[in-house]
Amino acid sequence: MRNVIASHARAQLLKLLDSVEAGETITIMRRGKAIAVLAPPRPAREKSSTRDLPPRARRKPVVMSEEEILLAANRPRPR
């Protein structure tokens, strides 16, 4: 990991991005404090968990018998 002063980072951004693309992580400093980190993106992980799915897709399916389905379909709807 390399530290770079903010003014230098602004002037040399394209070179810094080339370094990040090569796998380096760069911390940008201003007045001795870290204000940003340039890092290569993490590899995309596969969606294998239900935790990664939207809430609607995580719901358990409702199991109804044919008779229950017909009763629900013929029930009058409230207005």
N, C-alpha and C. Protein backbone atom coordinates (compact mmCIF):
# COMPACT_ATOMS: atom_id res chain seq x y z
N MET A 1 0.85 -1.16 0.00
CA MET A 1 0.00 0.00 0.00
C MET A 1 0.90 1.23 0.00
N ARG A 2 0.51 2.18 -0.84
CA ARG A 2 1.30 3.40 -0.98
C ARG A 2 0.45 4.59 -0.57
N ASN A 3 1.07 5.57 0.10
CA ASN A 3 0.39 6.81 0.48
C ASN A 3 0.77 7.91 -0.50
N VAL A 4 -0.24 8.71 -0.92
CA VAL A 4 0.00 9.79 -1.86
C VAL A 4 -0.72 11.03 -1.34
N ILE A 5 -0.06 12.19 -1.43
CA ILE A 5 -0.67 13.45 -1.03
C ILE A 5 -1.76 13.81 -2.04
N ALA A 6 -2.85 14.42 -1.56
CA ALA A 6 -4.02 14.70 -2.40
C ALA A 6 -3.66 15.54 -3.63
N SER A 7 -2.83 16.54 -3.46
CA SER A 7 -2.48 17.38 -4.62
C SER A 7 -1.72 16.58 -5.67
N HIS A 8 -0.87 15.67 -5.22
CA HIS A 8 -0.14 14.81 -6.16
C HIS A 8 -1.11 13.84 -6.84
N ALA A 9 -2.07 13.33 -6.08
CA ALA A 9 -3.05 12.41 -6.65
C ALA A 9 -3.87 13.10 -7.74
N ARG A 10 -4.23 14.35 -7.49
CA ARG A 10 -5.01 15.10 -8.48
C ARG A 10 -4.21 15.29 -9.77
N ALA A 11 -2.93 15.58 -9.63
CA ALA A 11 -2.08 15.82 -10.81
C ALA A 11 -1.72 14.52 -11.54
N GLN A 12 -1.68 13.42 -10.82
CA GLN A 12 -1.20 12.16 -11.39
C GLN A 12 -2.27 11.07 -11.39
N LEU A 13 -3.53 11.44 -11.47
CA LEU A 13 -4.61 10.48 -11.32
C LEU A 13 -4.52 9.32 -12.31
N LEU A 14 -4.26 9.59 -13.57
CA LEU A 14 -4.23 8.51 -14.57
C LEU A 14 -3.12 7.50 -14.26
N LYS A 15 -1.96 7.98 -13.81
CA LYS A 15 -0.87 7.05 -13.45
C LYS A 15 -1.26 6.22 -12.22
N LEU A 16 -1.92 6.88 -11.26
CA LEU A 16 -2.36 6.15 -10.08
C LEU A 16 -3.39 5.08 -10.43
N LEU A 17 -4.30 5.41 -11.34
CA LEU A 17 -5.29 4.41 -11.77
C LEU A 17 -4.64 3.23 -12.48
N ASP A 18 -3.57 3.49 -13.24
CA ASP A 18 -2.83 2.39 -13.87
C ASP A 18 -2.22 1.48 -12.81
N SER A 19 -1.70 2.09 -11.72
CA SER A 19 -1.12 1.28 -10.63
C SER A 19 -2.20 0.45 -9.95
N VAL A 20 -3.37 1.05 -9.73
CA VAL A 20 -4.47 0.33 -9.10
C VAL A 20 -4.93 -0.81 -9.99
N GLU A 21 -4.99 -0.56 -11.29
CA GLU A 21 -5.38 -1.60 -12.23
C GLU A 21 -4.41 -2.78 -12.19
N ALA A 22 -3.14 -2.47 -11.88
CA ALA A 22 -2.12 -3.52 -11.78
C ALA A 22 -2.18 -4.26 -10.44
N GLY A 23 -3.10 -3.81 -9.54
CA GLY A 23 -3.28 -4.54 -8.29
C GLY A 23 -2.83 -3.80 -7.04
N GLU A 24 -2.29 -2.61 -7.18
CA GLU A 24 -1.80 -1.85 -6.03
C GLU A 24 -2.95 -1.11 -5.35
N THR A 25 -2.84 -0.93 -4.04
CA THR A 25 -3.80 -0.14 -3.29
C THR A 25 -3.11 1.15 -2.87
N ILE A 26 -3.79 2.29 -3.07
CA ILE A 26 -3.19 3.59 -2.81
C ILE A 26 -4.09 4.37 -1.85
N THR A 27 -3.49 4.93 -0.80
CA THR A 27 -4.21 5.76 0.15
C THR A 27 -3.90 7.22 -0.16
N ILE A 28 -4.94 8.03 -0.30
CA ILE A 28 -4.76 9.46 -0.57
C ILE A 28 -4.84 10.20 0.76
N MET A 29 -3.82 11.05 1.01
CA MET A 29 -3.68 11.73 2.29
C MET A 29 -3.87 13.24 2.11
N ARG A 30 -4.48 13.88 3.11
CA ARG A 30 -4.57 15.33 3.15
C ARG A 30 -4.27 15.76 4.58
N ARG A 31 -3.27 16.62 4.72
CA ARG A 31 -2.84 17.10 6.04
C ARG A 31 -2.55 15.96 7.01
N GLY A 32 -1.95 14.90 6.50
CA GLY A 32 -1.56 13.77 7.33
C GLY A 32 -2.65 12.77 7.64
N LYS A 33 -3.86 12.99 7.12
CA LYS A 33 -4.97 12.06 7.38
C LYS A 33 -5.40 11.39 6.08
N ALA A 34 -5.73 10.12 6.19
CA ALA A 34 -6.23 9.39 5.03
C ALA A 34 -7.64 9.88 4.70
N ILE A 35 -7.87 10.26 3.44
CA ILE A 35 -9.20 10.73 3.04
C ILE A 35 -9.86 9.81 2.02
N ALA A 36 -9.07 8.96 1.37
CA ALA A 36 -9.64 8.04 0.38
C ALA A 36 -8.67 6.90 0.13
N VAL A 37 -9.21 5.81 -0.38
CA VAL A 37 -8.39 4.66 -0.75
C VAL A 37 -8.77 4.25 -2.16
N LEU A 38 -7.77 4.14 -3.01
CA LEU A 38 -7.98 3.62 -4.37
C LEU A 38 -7.55 2.16 -4.33
N ALA A 39 -8.46 1.28 -4.68
CA ALA A 39 -8.16 -0.16 -4.63
C ALA A 39 -8.81 -0.84 -5.82
N PRO A 40 -8.22 -1.93 -6.28
CA PRO A 40 -8.84 -2.68 -7.37
C PRO A 40 -10.19 -3.24 -6.90
N PRO A 41 -11.14 -3.41 -7.82
CA PRO A 41 -12.44 -3.96 -7.42
C PRO A 41 -12.30 -5.40 -6.96
N ARG A 42 -13.18 -5.78 -6.05
CA ARG A 42 -13.21 -7.18 -5.60
C ARG A 42 -13.87 -8.01 -6.68
N PRO A 43 -13.47 -9.25 -6.81
CA PRO A 43 -14.14 -10.10 -7.79
C PRO A 43 -15.60 -10.30 -7.39
N ALA A 44 -16.46 -10.33 -8.39
CA ALA A 44 -17.89 -10.55 -8.13
C ALA A 44 -18.09 -11.95 -7.57
N ARG A 45 -18.91 -12.04 -6.54
CA ARG A 45 -19.17 -13.37 -5.97
C ARG A 45 -20.50 -13.87 -6.50
N GLU A 46 -20.62 -15.16 -6.53
CA GLU A 46 -21.83 -15.78 -7.04
C GLU A 46 -22.95 -15.65 -6.02
N LYS A 47 -24.17 -15.46 -6.49
CA LYS A 47 -25.32 -15.39 -5.60
C LYS A 47 -25.79 -16.80 -5.30
N SER A 48 -25.37 -17.29 -4.16
CA SER A 48 -25.75 -18.65 -3.80
C SER A 48 -26.60 -18.68 -2.54
N SER A 49 -26.69 -17.56 -1.88
CA SER A 49 -27.42 -17.51 -0.63
C SER A 49 -28.75 -16.77 -0.83
N THR A 50 -29.75 -17.16 -0.08
CA THR A 50 -31.02 -16.44 -0.17
C THR A 50 -30.88 -15.04 0.42
N ARG A 51 -29.84 -14.81 1.22
CA ARG A 51 -29.60 -13.50 1.79
C ARG A 51 -29.31 -12.47 0.69
N ASP A 52 -28.78 -12.91 -0.45
CA ASP A 52 -28.46 -12.02 -1.56
C ASP A 52 -29.67 -11.73 -2.43
N LEU A 53 -30.76 -12.43 -2.23
CA LEU A 53 -31.95 -12.24 -3.05
C LEU A 53 -32.81 -11.10 -2.49
N PRO A 54 -33.60 -10.47 -3.34
CA PRO A 54 -34.51 -9.44 -2.83
C PRO A 54 -35.54 -10.07 -1.89
N PRO A 55 -36.10 -9.28 -0.96
CA PRO A 55 -37.03 -9.85 0.04
C PRO A 55 -38.18 -10.65 -0.56
N ARG A 56 -38.72 -10.21 -1.68
CA ARG A 56 -39.85 -10.92 -2.27
C ARG A 56 -39.45 -12.34 -2.70
N ALA A 57 -38.23 -12.52 -3.19
CA ALA A 57 -37.78 -13.83 -3.65
C ALA A 57 -37.45 -14.76 -2.48
N ARG A 58 -37.25 -14.19 -1.28
CA ARG A 58 -36.91 -15.01 -0.12
C ARG A 58 -38.12 -15.63 0.56
N ARG A 59 -39.30 -15.17 0.20
CA ARG A 59 -40.51 -15.68 0.84
C ARG A 59 -40.71 -17.16 0.54
N LYS A 60 -41.23 -17.87 1.51
CA LYS A 60 -41.52 -19.28 1.30
C LYS A 60 -42.82 -19.39 0.50
N PRO A 61 -42.88 -20.32 -0.42
CA PRO A 61 -44.11 -20.47 -1.22
C PRO A 61 -45.27 -20.93 -0.33
N VAL A 62 -46.45 -20.44 -0.67
CA VAL A 62 -47.66 -20.84 0.06
C VAL A 62 -48.19 -22.10 -0.60
N VAL A 63 -48.38 -23.13 0.19
CA VAL A 63 -48.89 -24.40 -0.34
C VAL A 63 -50.38 -24.48 -0.02
N MET A 64 -51.17 -24.57 -1.09
CA MET A 64 -52.63 -24.65 -0.93
C MET A 64 -53.15 -25.84 -1.73
N SER A 65 -54.18 -26.43 -1.19
CA SER A 65 -54.82 -27.53 -1.92
C SER A 65 -55.67 -26.93 -3.05
N GLU A 66 -56.09 -27.76 -3.97
CA GLU A 66 -56.92 -27.30 -5.08
C GLU A 66 -58.23 -26.70 -4.55
N GLU A 67 -58.80 -27.33 -3.53
CA GLU A 67 -60.04 -26.85 -2.94
C GLU A 67 -59.86 -25.45 -2.34
N GLU A 68 -58.74 -25.23 -1.64
CA GLU A 68 -58.47 -23.92 -1.04
C GLU A 68 -58.29 -22.85 -2.12
N ILE A 69 -57.68 -23.22 -3.22
CA ILE A 69 -57.48 -22.28 -4.32
C ILE A 69 -58.81 -21.86 -4.91
N LEU A 70 -59.70 -22.84 -5.14
CA LEU A 70 -61.03 -22.53 -5.70
C LEU A 70 -61.85 -21.68 -4.74
N LEU A 71 -61.78 -21.98 -3.43
CA LEU A 71 -62.51 -21.17 -2.46
C LEU A 71 -62.00 -19.73 -2.43
N ALA A 72 -60.70 -19.57 -2.48
CA ALA A 72 -60.12 -18.23 -2.47
C ALA A 72 -60.48 -17.46 -3.74
N ALA A 73 -60.51 -18.15 -4.88
CA ALA A 73 -60.83 -17.50 -6.14
C ALA A 73 -62.28 -17.06 -6.21
N ASN A 74 -63.18 -17.80 -5.56
CA ASN A 74 -64.61 -17.48 -5.61
C ASN A 74 -65.08 -16.60 -4.47
N ARG A 75 -64.21 -16.28 -3.54
CA ARG A 75 -64.57 -15.46 -2.39
C ARG A 75 -64.79 -14.03 -2.86
N PRO A 76 -65.85 -13.37 -2.41
CA PRO A 76 -66.08 -11.98 -2.80
C PRO A 76 -64.98 -11.07 -2.23
N ARG A 77 -64.58 -10.10 -3.02
CA ARG A 77 -63.51 -9.19 -2.61
C ARG A 77 -64.11 -7.99 -1.90
N PRO A 78 -63.48 -7.53 -0.83
CA PRO A 78 -63.99 -6.34 -0.13
C PRO A 78 -63.79 -5.11 -1.00
N ARG A 79 -64.72 -4.15 -0.89
CA ARG A 79 -64.62 -2.92 -1.69
C ARG A 79 -64.19 -1.76 -0.86
